[in-house]
Amino acid sequence: GYKYSTKGAMTVAVIDAAIPPEKKQLIEEAENHVVTITELFNQGLMSDDERYRKVIETWNDTTSKVTAALNKNLDPYNPIFMMSDSGARGSIAQIRQLAGMRGLI
């Protein structure tokens, strides 16, 4: 264990935080859905509470979809993935923030 841990190391580069190809489409769909929700609210067909909940739900769903797309596209030999998967550092949520999207704040 320790002997070999001092013999090699991993490096991380910007290219390792690969952006999922589906991200742009997923974000556009979410933005369009939020516009539709806002239009329904402006027409009086939805209360402010409903609008708020649906917008939050839309972005939470989109965050989950981007995370799934990121998981699907990550190479198991990607150093960021290996650190996260091994439990050494970080989590999939932090990888998502690097390569996918921040999520709700």
N, C-alpha and C. Protein backbone atom coordinates (compact mmCIF):
# COMPACT_ATOMS: atom_id res chain seq x y z
N GLY A 1 0.78 -1.19 0.00
CA GLY A 1 0.00 0.00 0.00
C GLY A 1 0.83 1.26 0.00
N TYR A 2 1.45 1.59 1.16
CA TYR A 2 2.13 2.87 1.30
C TYR A 2 3.31 2.97 0.34
N LYS A 3 4.05 1.87 0.19
CA LYS A 3 5.23 1.88 -0.68
C LYS A 3 4.85 2.34 -2.08
N TYR A 4 3.75 1.80 -2.61
CA TYR A 4 3.36 2.13 -3.97
C TYR A 4 2.64 3.47 -4.06
N SER A 5 2.08 3.92 -2.95
CA SER A 5 1.40 5.22 -2.98
C SER A 5 2.40 6.36 -3.13
N THR A 6 3.65 6.11 -2.80
CA THR A 6 4.67 7.15 -2.95
C THR A 6 5.38 7.06 -4.30
N LYS A 7 5.05 6.08 -5.10
CA LYS A 7 5.71 5.87 -6.39
C LYS A 7 5.02 6.57 -7.56
N GLY A 8 3.76 6.90 -7.39
CA GLY A 8 3.03 7.50 -8.50
C GLY A 8 1.96 8.43 -7.98
N ALA A 9 1.44 9.22 -8.89
CA ALA A 9 0.37 10.15 -8.50
C ALA A 9 -0.49 10.46 -9.71
N MET A 10 -1.65 11.01 -9.43
CA MET A 10 -2.54 11.42 -10.50
C MET A 10 -2.48 12.93 -10.63
N THR A 11 -2.67 13.39 -11.84
CA THR A 11 -2.80 14.83 -12.06
C THR A 11 -4.19 15.09 -12.61
N VAL A 12 -4.66 16.28 -12.40
CA VAL A 12 -5.97 16.68 -12.88
C VAL A 12 -5.81 17.91 -13.74
N ALA A 13 -6.44 17.88 -14.90
CA ALA A 13 -6.41 19.03 -15.82
C ALA A 13 -7.84 19.44 -16.15
N VAL A 14 -7.98 20.59 -16.74
CA VAL A 14 -9.29 21.09 -17.12
C VAL A 14 -10.00 20.10 -18.04
N ILE A 15 -9.28 19.46 -18.91
CA ILE A 15 -9.87 18.52 -19.86
C ILE A 15 -10.51 17.33 -19.15
N ASP A 16 -10.08 17.04 -17.92
CA ASP A 16 -10.66 15.92 -17.17
C ASP A 16 -12.09 16.20 -16.72
N ALA A 17 -12.47 17.46 -16.65
CA ALA A 17 -13.84 17.83 -16.29
C ALA A 17 -14.65 17.94 -17.57
N ALA A 18 -14.87 16.81 -18.22
CA ALA A 18 -15.55 16.76 -19.52
C ALA A 18 -17.02 17.15 -19.39
N ILE A 19 -17.43 18.12 -20.18
CA ILE A 19 -18.82 18.59 -20.17
C ILE A 19 -19.67 17.60 -20.96
N PRO A 20 -20.77 17.12 -20.39
CA PRO A 20 -21.61 16.17 -21.12
C PRO A 20 -22.22 16.83 -22.36
N PRO A 21 -22.22 16.14 -23.50
CA PRO A 21 -22.75 16.72 -24.73
C PRO A 21 -24.23 17.10 -24.63
N GLU A 22 -24.96 16.42 -23.76
CA GLU A 22 -26.40 16.67 -23.62
C GLU A 22 -26.71 17.92 -22.80
N LYS A 23 -25.71 18.47 -22.14
CA LYS A 23 -25.94 19.57 -21.20
C LYS A 23 -26.66 20.75 -21.85
N LYS A 24 -26.19 21.20 -22.99
CA LYS A 24 -26.78 22.37 -23.64
C LYS A 24 -28.26 22.16 -23.92
N GLN A 25 -28.61 21.01 -24.47
CA GLN A 25 -30.01 20.71 -24.79
C GLN A 25 -30.86 20.64 -23.51
N LEU A 26 -30.33 20.00 -22.47
CA LEU A 26 -31.08 19.89 -21.22
C LEU A 26 -31.34 21.26 -20.60
N ILE A 27 -30.35 22.14 -20.64
CA ILE A 27 -30.51 23.49 -20.10
C ILE A 27 -31.53 24.27 -20.92
N GLU A 28 -31.45 24.16 -22.25
CA GLU A 28 -32.41 24.87 -23.11
C GLU A 28 -33.84 24.39 -22.84
N GLU A 29 -34.02 23.09 -22.69
CA GLU A 29 -35.35 22.55 -22.40
C GLU A 29 -35.87 23.09 -21.06
N ALA A 30 -35.00 23.14 -20.07
CA ALA A 30 -35.42 23.66 -18.76
C ALA A 30 -35.78 25.14 -18.86
N GLU A 31 -34.98 25.91 -19.57
CA GLU A 31 -35.27 27.34 -19.72
C GLU A 31 -36.60 27.54 -20.42
N ASN A 32 -36.87 26.76 -21.46
CA ASN A 32 -38.15 26.85 -22.18
C ASN A 32 -39.31 26.47 -21.27
N HIS A 33 -39.12 25.46 -20.45
CA HIS A 33 -40.17 25.03 -19.53
C HIS A 33 -40.46 26.13 -18.50
N VAL A 34 -39.43 26.79 -18.02
CA VAL A 34 -39.61 27.88 -17.06
C VAL A 34 -40.36 29.04 -17.71
N VAL A 35 -40.07 29.32 -18.98
CA VAL A 35 -40.80 30.37 -19.71
C VAL A 35 -42.28 30.00 -19.79
N THR A 36 -42.58 28.74 -20.10
CA THR A 36 -43.97 28.28 -20.17
C THR A 36 -44.66 28.43 -18.81
N ILE A 37 -43.97 28.05 -17.76
CA ILE A 37 -44.53 28.18 -16.41
C ILE A 37 -44.82 29.65 -16.09
N THR A 38 -43.89 30.52 -16.44
CA THR A 38 -44.07 31.95 -16.19
C THR A 38 -45.25 32.51 -16.98
N GLU A 39 -45.41 32.06 -18.22
CA GLU A 39 -46.55 32.50 -19.03
C GLU A 39 -47.87 32.06 -18.40
N LEU A 40 -47.93 30.83 -17.92
CA LEU A 40 -49.15 30.35 -17.25
C LEU A 40 -49.44 31.18 -16.00
N PHE A 41 -48.41 31.52 -15.27
CA PHE A 41 -48.59 32.36 -14.08
C PHE A 41 -49.10 33.75 -14.48
N ASN A 42 -48.50 34.33 -15.52
CA ASN A 42 -48.91 35.67 -15.97
C ASN A 42 -50.34 35.69 -16.49
N GLN A 43 -50.82 34.55 -17.00
CA GLN A 43 -52.20 34.46 -17.48
C GLN A 43 -53.18 34.19 -16.34
N GLY A 44 -52.68 34.03 -15.14
CA GLY A 44 -53.53 33.78 -13.99
C GLY A 44 -53.97 32.33 -13.85
N LEU A 45 -53.32 31.42 -14.57
CA LEU A 45 -53.69 30.01 -14.52
C LEU A 45 -52.92 29.24 -13.45
N MET A 46 -52.07 29.95 -12.71
CA MET A 46 -51.23 29.29 -11.72
C MET A 46 -50.93 30.31 -10.61
N SER A 47 -50.93 29.85 -9.38
CA SER A 47 -50.60 30.75 -8.27
C SER A 47 -49.08 30.95 -8.20
N ASP A 48 -48.67 31.94 -7.43
CA ASP A 48 -47.24 32.21 -7.27
C ASP A 48 -46.54 31.04 -6.60
N ASP A 49 -47.20 30.41 -5.63
CA ASP A 49 -46.61 29.23 -4.97
C ASP A 49 -46.42 28.08 -5.95
N GLU A 50 -47.43 27.84 -6.79
CA GLU A 50 -47.32 26.77 -7.80
C GLU A 50 -46.18 27.07 -8.77
N ARG A 51 -46.11 28.33 -9.21
CA ARG A 51 -45.04 28.73 -10.13
C ARG A 51 -43.68 28.46 -9.50
N TYR A 52 -43.52 28.90 -8.27
CA TYR A 52 -42.25 28.72 -7.56
C TYR A 52 -41.89 27.24 -7.46
N ARG A 53 -42.83 26.41 -7.02
CA ARG A 53 -42.57 24.97 -6.87
C ARG A 53 -42.22 24.32 -8.19
N LYS A 54 -42.93 24.69 -9.26
CA LYS A 54 -42.67 24.08 -10.57
C LYS A 54 -41.31 24.50 -11.13
N VAL A 55 -40.93 25.75 -10.91
CA VAL A 55 -39.61 26.20 -11.37
C VAL A 55 -38.51 25.45 -10.62
N ILE A 56 -38.65 25.33 -9.31
CA ILE A 56 -37.67 24.59 -8.51
C ILE A 56 -37.62 23.13 -8.96
N GLU A 57 -38.78 22.53 -9.17
CA GLU A 57 -38.85 21.14 -9.63
C GLU A 57 -38.17 20.97 -10.98
N THR A 58 -38.39 21.91 -11.89
CA THR A 58 -37.78 21.86 -13.22
C THR A 58 -36.26 21.86 -13.11
N TRP A 59 -35.71 22.77 -12.30
CA TRP A 59 -34.25 22.84 -12.19
C TRP A 59 -33.68 21.66 -11.42
N ASN A 60 -34.39 21.15 -10.44
CA ASN A 60 -33.92 19.94 -9.75
C ASN A 60 -33.88 18.74 -10.70
N ASP A 61 -34.93 18.59 -11.52
CA ASP A 61 -34.96 17.51 -12.51
C ASP A 61 -33.82 17.66 -13.51
N THR A 62 -33.59 18.89 -13.95
CA THR A 62 -32.52 19.15 -14.92
C THR A 62 -31.16 18.84 -14.31
N THR A 63 -30.97 19.21 -13.06
CA THR A 63 -29.72 18.90 -12.37
C THR A 63 -29.51 17.39 -12.32
N SER A 64 -30.55 16.64 -12.03
CA SER A 64 -30.46 15.17 -12.00
C SER A 64 -30.12 14.61 -13.37
N LYS A 65 -30.73 15.16 -14.41
CA LYS A 65 -30.47 14.68 -15.77
C LYS A 65 -29.03 14.99 -16.20
N VAL A 66 -28.53 16.17 -15.85
CA VAL A 66 -27.15 16.52 -16.18
C VAL A 66 -26.19 15.60 -15.42
N THR A 67 -26.50 15.31 -14.17
CA THR A 67 -25.66 14.40 -13.38
C THR A 67 -25.64 13.01 -14.01
N ALA A 68 -26.80 12.53 -14.45
CA ALA A 68 -26.87 11.22 -15.11
C ALA A 68 -26.07 11.21 -16.40
N ALA A 69 -26.18 12.29 -17.18
CA ALA A 69 -25.42 12.38 -18.43
C ALA A 69 -23.92 12.42 -18.14
N LEU A 70 -23.54 13.11 -17.10
CA LEU A 70 -22.14 13.17 -16.71
C LEU A 70 -21.63 11.80 -16.30
N ASN A 71 -22.40 11.09 -15.49
CA ASN A 71 -22.02 9.73 -15.07
C ASN A 71 -21.85 8.81 -16.26
N LYS A 72 -22.77 8.93 -17.22
CA LYS A 72 -22.75 8.07 -18.40
C LYS A 72 -21.50 8.31 -19.25
N ASN A 73 -21.03 9.55 -19.28
CA ASN A 73 -19.93 9.91 -20.17
C ASN A 73 -18.56 9.90 -19.50
N LEU A 74 -18.51 9.71 -18.18
CA LEU A 74 -17.21 9.73 -17.50
C LEU A 74 -16.45 8.44 -17.75
N ASP A 75 -15.21 8.60 -18.14
CA ASP A 75 -14.30 7.47 -18.33
C ASP A 75 -13.89 6.93 -16.95
N PRO A 76 -13.97 5.63 -16.73
CA PRO A 76 -13.59 5.09 -15.42
C PRO A 76 -12.12 5.35 -15.06
N TYR A 77 -11.30 5.70 -16.04
CA TYR A 77 -9.89 6.02 -15.79
C TYR A 77 -9.64 7.52 -15.70
N ASN A 78 -10.69 8.30 -15.73
CA ASN A 78 -10.59 9.74 -15.55
C ASN A 78 -10.14 10.00 -14.11
N PRO A 79 -9.08 10.79 -13.90
CA PRO A 79 -8.57 10.99 -12.53
C PRO A 79 -9.60 11.60 -11.58
N ILE A 80 -10.43 12.50 -12.08
CA ILE A 80 -11.46 13.10 -11.22
C ILE A 80 -12.46 12.02 -10.79
N PHE A 81 -12.88 11.20 -11.75
CA PHE A 81 -13.81 10.12 -11.43
C PHE A 81 -13.19 9.13 -10.44
N MET A 82 -11.93 8.77 -10.66
CA MET A 82 -11.27 7.79 -9.77
C MET A 82 -11.19 8.32 -8.34
N MET A 83 -10.87 9.60 -8.17
CA MET A 83 -10.80 10.16 -6.81
C MET A 83 -12.17 10.16 -6.15
N SER A 84 -13.19 10.50 -6.92
CA SER A 84 -14.54 10.55 -6.38
C SER A 84 -15.06 9.15 -6.08
N ASP A 85 -14.88 8.24 -7.03
CA ASP A 85 -15.39 6.88 -6.90
C ASP A 85 -14.72 6.12 -5.76
N SER A 86 -13.44 6.39 -5.54
CA SER A 86 -12.71 5.69 -4.48
C SER A 86 -13.05 6.22 -3.10
N GLY A 87 -13.65 7.39 -3.06
CA GLY A 87 -13.97 8.00 -1.77
C GLY A 87 -12.82 8.86 -1.25
N ALA A 88 -11.74 8.95 -2.03
CA ALA A 88 -10.57 9.72 -1.59
C ALA A 88 -10.89 11.20 -1.49
N ARG A 89 -11.49 11.74 -2.51
CA ARG A 89 -11.81 13.16 -2.55
C ARG A 89 -13.06 13.38 -3.38
N GLY A 90 -13.88 14.30 -2.94
CA GLY A 90 -15.00 14.75 -3.74
C GLY A 90 -16.12 13.75 -3.88
N SER A 91 -17.12 14.18 -4.63
CA SER A 91 -18.30 13.36 -4.88
C SER A 91 -18.80 13.66 -6.28
N ILE A 92 -19.79 12.90 -6.72
CA ILE A 92 -20.36 13.14 -8.05
C ILE A 92 -21.00 14.53 -8.11
N ALA A 93 -21.50 15.02 -7.00
CA ALA A 93 -22.10 16.36 -6.97
C ALA A 93 -21.03 17.42 -7.26
N GLN A 94 -19.84 17.22 -6.75
CA GLN A 94 -18.77 18.18 -7.01
C GLN A 94 -18.25 18.05 -8.44
N ILE A 95 -18.22 16.84 -8.97
CA ILE A 95 -17.85 16.67 -10.38
C ILE A 95 -18.88 17.36 -11.25
N ARG A 96 -20.17 17.20 -10.90
CA ARG A 96 -21.23 17.86 -11.66
C ARG A 96 -21.03 19.37 -11.66
N GLN A 97 -20.61 19.93 -10.55
CA GLN A 97 -20.39 21.37 -10.48
C GLN A 97 -19.23 21.79 -11.37
N LEU A 98 -18.22 20.94 -11.50
CA LEU A 98 -17.08 21.27 -12.36
C LEU A 98 -17.43 21.16 -13.84
N ALA A 99 -18.12 20.09 -14.20
CA ALA A 99 -18.32 19.79 -15.62
C ALA A 99 -19.74 19.97 -16.10
N GLY A 100 -20.68 19.96 -15.19
CA GLY A 100 -22.07 20.01 -15.61
C GLY A 100 -22.73 21.33 -15.32
N MET A 101 -23.26 21.43 -14.12
CA MET A 101 -23.95 22.66 -13.72
C MET A 101 -23.92 22.79 -12.21
N ARG A 102 -24.08 23.98 -11.74
CA ARG A 102 -24.00 24.26 -10.30
C ARG A 102 -25.19 23.72 -9.54
N GLY A 103 -26.37 23.80 -10.12
CA GLY A 103 -27.58 23.39 -9.42
C GLY A 103 -28.20 24.59 -8.73
N LEU A 104 -29.20 24.35 -7.93
CA LEU A 104 -29.89 25.44 -7.24
C LEU A 104 -29.04 25.99 -6.11
N ILE A 105 -29.08 27.29 -5.98
CA ILE A 105 -28.33 27.96 -4.91
C ILE A 105 -29.31 28.71 -4.05
